[in-house]
Amino acid sequence: MLGMVFEDGLGGYKKNPQRAAFFYEEAVLEDEIEGMFRLGKLHCVYDSTQTQEEENNDDEEWADFTYGIEMLNQAVTRGHADACDLLEQTVQIVAGRYDSMEAFRHHIARRAAARDDLCVALQAALDAITMFHQDNEEAGGLTDEQIDGLESHVLRKSCADERCCICLGDFEKGENVRKLGCNHLYHKDCVDIWLKQNRKCPLCKQIVATEVSG
């Protein structure tokens, strides 16, 4: 069983409920997002030497740990980098109890479908981590080679109901355009300039997939 502890090692809610209540109020009132991170850390720092998972854990015994995961999820979705690091470490330790990451994902997906609170929280954690990294990928655009590998074509007719969101100009017959993998369309010259500085679609912020590595 994972042992939940305070940052200073004094124990979780069950061991010290008065201190826990004070810590909660202090953390959240000081800064909501930082408070979520501290509360998550409060319940997710545990003795990683306990490597054997108990099959018949009481839900109450896992409640603090589940709550910690949920708090970290909230902090990560609000852009807290330290919370993301801790959440990744926590997920990796839990996943280490399984033969593979695939087995771990399969287990929590199955248990989450059965509304197991811990597995619902862990599944949300995987999504939150993925979204954080997508949103915070290092700034930088694509290489000329990568941009040249993206789909482009010449319009055979004007598009009366659509405009390029970069220049706000209409799409006219005979103009060169690019359609990104997310299906958003731009003037070729407009989006090429954009992509040299930023590898995400201007509209949906999805990372532009490329076939050519730069």
Protein backbone atom coordinates (compact mmCIF):
# COMPACT_ATOMS: atom_id res chain seq x y z
CA MET A 1 0.00 0.00 0.00
CA LEU A 2 1.32 3.43 -0.88
CA GLY A 3 1.88 5.47 2.27
CA MET A 4 0.70 9.08 1.90
CA VAL A 5 2.80 11.67 3.72
CA PHE A 6 3.09 15.40 4.25
CA GLU A 7 5.93 17.36 2.67
CA ASP A 8 7.67 17.26 6.07
CA GLY A 9 6.78 13.62 6.70
CA LEU A 10 4.08 14.12 9.34
CA GLY A 11 1.49 11.99 7.59
CA GLY A 12 -1.81 12.32 5.71
CA TYR A 13 -5.30 13.31 6.81
CA LYS A 14 -5.90 10.22 8.92
CA LYS A 15 -2.67 10.68 10.86
CA ASN A 16 -3.02 14.39 11.48
CA PRO A 17 -6.46 15.78 10.48
CA GLN A 18 -6.07 19.14 12.24
CA ARG A 19 -2.76 19.87 10.57
CA ALA A 20 -4.20 18.70 7.25
CA ALA A 21 -7.14 21.09 7.53
CA PHE A 22 -4.82 23.99 8.35
CA PHE A 23 -2.49 23.07 5.49
CA TYR A 24 -5.42 22.93 3.07
CA GLU A 25 -6.69 26.39 4.02
CA GLU A 26 -3.23 27.95 3.97
CA ALA A 27 -2.29 26.41 0.63
CA VAL A 28 -5.46 27.27 -1.27
CA LEU A 29 -5.91 30.78 0.11
CA GLU A 30 -2.31 31.67 -0.69
CA ASP A 31 -2.57 30.78 -4.38
CA GLU A 32 -5.25 28.53 -5.85
CA ILE A 33 -3.08 26.77 -8.44
CA GLU A 34 -0.06 26.53 -6.15
CA GLY A 35 -2.42 25.25 -3.48
CA MET A 36 -3.62 22.49 -5.77
CA PHE A 37 0.01 21.50 -6.40
CA ARG A 38 0.85 21.47 -2.69
CA LEU A 39 -2.26 19.47 -1.86
CA GLY A 40 -1.42 17.01 -4.61
CA LYS A 41 2.12 16.72 -3.29
CA LEU A 42 0.74 16.29 0.20
CA HIS A 43 -1.00 13.06 -0.78
CA CYS A 44 1.19 11.72 -3.59
CA VAL A 45 4.60 11.58 -1.96
CA TYR A 46 4.87 8.01 -0.81
CA ASP A 47 7.22 5.18 0.07
CA SER A 48 8.28 3.87 -3.33
CA THR A 49 9.93 0.85 -1.73
CA GLN A 50 6.47 -0.74 -1.43
CA THR A 51 6.50 -2.51 -4.77
CA GLN A 52 3.85 -5.17 -4.29
CA GLU A 53 0.29 -4.00 -5.03
CA GLU A 54 -2.33 -5.29 -2.62
CA GLU A 55 -5.30 -6.66 -4.48
CA ASN A 56 -7.92 -6.01 -1.80
CA ASN A 57 -7.23 -2.42 -0.83
CA ASP A 58 -10.04 -0.63 0.98
CA ASP A 59 -11.25 2.32 -1.10
CA GLU A 60 -10.83 4.53 1.95
CA GLU A 61 -7.16 3.59 2.15
CA TRP A 62 -6.66 4.89 -1.39
CA ALA A 63 -8.84 7.98 -0.96
CA ASP A 64 -5.99 10.33 0.01
CA PHE A 65 -3.81 9.15 -2.87
CA THR A 66 -6.68 9.48 -5.36
CA TYR A 67 -7.40 12.98 -4.07
CA GLY A 68 -3.74 13.85 -4.54
CA ILE A 69 -3.81 12.72 -8.15
CA GLU A 70 -6.97 14.76 -8.74
CA MET A 71 -5.35 17.89 -7.26
CA LEU A 72 -2.24 17.46 -9.40
CA ASN A 73 -4.46 16.98 -12.46
CA GLN A 74 -6.14 20.31 -11.72
CA ALA A 75 -2.80 22.08 -11.31
CA VAL A 76 -1.38 20.54 -14.49
CA THR A 77 -4.38 21.56 -16.61
CA ARG A 78 -3.77 25.10 -15.35
CA GLY A 79 -0.16 25.03 -16.51
CA HIS A 80 1.79 24.20 -13.32
CA ALA A 81 5.10 22.69 -14.52
CA ASP A 82 6.22 21.29 -11.14
CA ALA A 83 2.84 19.59 -10.76
CA CYS A 84 3.31 17.96 -14.16
CA ASP A 85 6.76 16.68 -13.16
CA LEU A 86 5.42 15.21 -9.91
CA LEU A 87 2.39 13.73 -11.66
CA GLU A 88 4.62 12.04 -14.24
CA GLN A 89 6.86 10.62 -11.50
CA THR A 90 3.84 9.35 -9.58
CA VAL A 91 2.26 7.73 -12.64
CA GLN A 92 5.57 6.11 -13.59
CA ILE A 93 5.97 4.57 -10.12
CA VAL A 94 2.43 3.19 -10.19
CA ALA A 95 2.92 1.96 -13.77
CA GLY A 96 6.10 0.22 -12.64
CA ARG A 97 3.94 -2.30 -10.80
CA TYR A 98 2.83 -3.68 -14.18
CA ASP A 99 4.71 -5.68 -16.79
CA SER A 100 4.52 -2.85 -19.31
CA MET A 101 3.06 0.61 -19.86
CA GLU A 102 0.54 -0.99 -22.21
CA ALA A 103 -0.60 -3.36 -19.45
CA PHE A 104 -0.93 -0.42 -17.07
CA ARG A 105 -3.01 1.59 -19.53
CA HIS A 106 -5.22 -1.40 -20.24
CA HIS A 107 -5.78 -2.01 -16.52
CA ILE A 108 -6.72 1.56 -15.64
CA ALA A 109 -8.93 1.90 -18.75
CA ARG A 110 -10.85 -1.23 -17.74
CA ARG A 111 -11.17 -0.18 -14.10
CA ALA A 112 -12.01 3.42 -15.03
CA ALA A 113 -14.89 2.13 -17.17
CA ALA A 114 -16.14 0.40 -14.01
CA ARG A 115 -15.93 3.80 -12.25
CA ASP A 116 -12.98 2.93 -10.01
CA ASP A 117 -12.06 6.36 -8.59
CA LEU A 118 -8.30 5.83 -8.55
CA CYS A 119 -8.19 4.55 -12.13
CA VAL A 120 -10.44 7.40 -13.33
CA ALA A 121 -7.94 9.82 -11.75
CA LEU A 122 -4.94 8.02 -13.27
CA GLN A 123 -6.52 8.01 -16.72
CA ALA A 124 -7.20 11.74 -16.41
CA ALA A 125 -3.57 12.18 -15.32
CA LEU A 126 -2.29 10.60 -18.54
CA ASP A 127 -4.49 12.96 -20.56
CA ALA A 128 -3.39 16.00 -18.51
CA ILE A 129 0.30 15.17 -18.97
CA THR A 130 -0.12 14.74 -22.72
CA MET A 131 -1.98 18.04 -23.08
CA PHE A 132 0.58 19.89 -20.93
CA HIS A 133 3.46 18.79 -23.14
CA GLN A 134 1.56 19.65 -26.31
CA ASP A 135 0.74 23.11 -24.98
CA ASN A 136 4.25 23.76 -23.71
CA GLU A 137 6.39 22.36 -26.45
CA GLU A 138 9.52 24.45 -26.88
CA ALA A 139 8.97 27.46 -29.08
CA GLY A 140 10.32 27.18 -32.58
CA GLY A 141 9.16 26.69 -36.09
CA LEU A 142 9.66 24.13 -38.81
CA THR A 143 12.63 23.92 -41.15
CA ASP A 144 12.27 24.88 -44.82
CA GLU A 145 12.50 21.18 -45.68
CA GLN A 146 9.68 20.31 -43.29
CA ILE A 147 7.49 23.12 -44.62
CA ASP A 148 8.12 22.08 -48.24
CA GLY A 149 6.93 18.58 -47.30
CA LEU A 150 3.46 19.86 -46.33
CA GLU A 151 0.53 19.56 -48.70
CA SER A 152 -0.09 22.52 -51.01
CA HIS A 153 -2.11 23.10 -54.16
CA VAL A 154 -3.48 25.76 -56.48
CA LEU A 155 -7.13 26.65 -56.03
CA ARG A 156 -9.28 25.77 -59.03
CA LYS A 157 -12.02 28.10 -57.84
CA SER A 158 -12.59 30.81 -55.27
CA CYS A 159 -13.82 29.94 -51.75
CA ALA A 160 -16.56 32.44 -51.04
CA ASP A 161 -17.34 31.17 -47.52
CA GLU A 162 -13.77 30.88 -46.18
CA ARG A 163 -10.86 33.24 -45.50
CA CYS A 164 -7.22 32.90 -44.53
CA CYS A 165 -7.15 33.64 -40.79
CA ILE A 166 -3.59 35.00 -41.04
CA CYS A 167 -4.07 37.78 -43.61
CA LEU A 168 -7.90 37.75 -43.46
CA GLY A 169 -7.95 37.70 -47.25
CA ASP A 170 -10.28 35.65 -49.42
CA PHE A 171 -9.19 32.49 -51.15
CA GLU A 172 -9.19 33.33 -54.86
CA LYS A 173 -8.94 31.06 -57.88
CA GLY A 174 -5.31 30.43 -58.87
CA GLU A 175 -3.81 31.14 -55.43
CA ASN A 176 -1.38 28.74 -53.79
CA VAL A 177 -2.73 27.36 -50.49
CA ARG A 178 -1.70 24.85 -47.85
CA LYS A 179 -4.03 22.58 -45.90
CA LEU A 180 -2.52 21.39 -42.62
CA GLY A 181 -3.15 17.97 -41.09
CA CYS A 182 -5.94 19.47 -38.97
CA ASN A 183 -7.69 20.46 -42.25
CA HIS A 184 -7.33 24.22 -41.73
CA LEU A 185 -6.57 26.07 -44.95
CA TYR A 186 -4.22 29.05 -45.42
CA HIS A 187 -2.53 31.00 -48.17
CA LYS A 188 0.78 29.23 -48.78
CA ASP A 189 2.90 32.35 -48.34
CA CYS A 190 1.06 33.35 -45.16
CA VAL A 191 1.30 30.02 -43.39
CA ASP A 192 4.89 29.37 -44.51
CA ILE A 193 6.01 32.54 -42.73
CA TRP A 194 4.02 31.52 -39.66
CA LEU A 195 5.42 27.97 -39.59
CA LYS A 196 9.00 29.21 -39.64
CA GLN A 197 8.30 30.75 -36.22
CA ASN A 198 5.65 28.43 -34.77
CA ARG A 199 4.97 24.74 -35.40
CA LYS A 200 1.31 24.90 -34.30
CA CYS A 201 -1.77 25.63 -36.40
CA PRO A 202 -2.79 29.30 -35.91
CA LEU A 203 -6.43 28.29 -35.40
CA CYS A 204 -6.56 25.09 -33.35
CA LYS A 205 -2.99 25.11 -31.95
CA GLN A 206 -2.48 21.50 -32.98
CA ILE A 207 1.17 20.64 -33.62
CA VAL A 208 1.77 20.38 -37.36
CA ALA A 209 2.78 16.85 -38.27
CA THR A 210 5.66 16.54 -40.70
CA GLU A 211 7.04 13.61 -42.66
CA VAL A 212 10.51 15.09 -43.04
CA SER A 213 12.75 15.41 -39.98
CA GLY A 214 14.80 18.55 -39.73
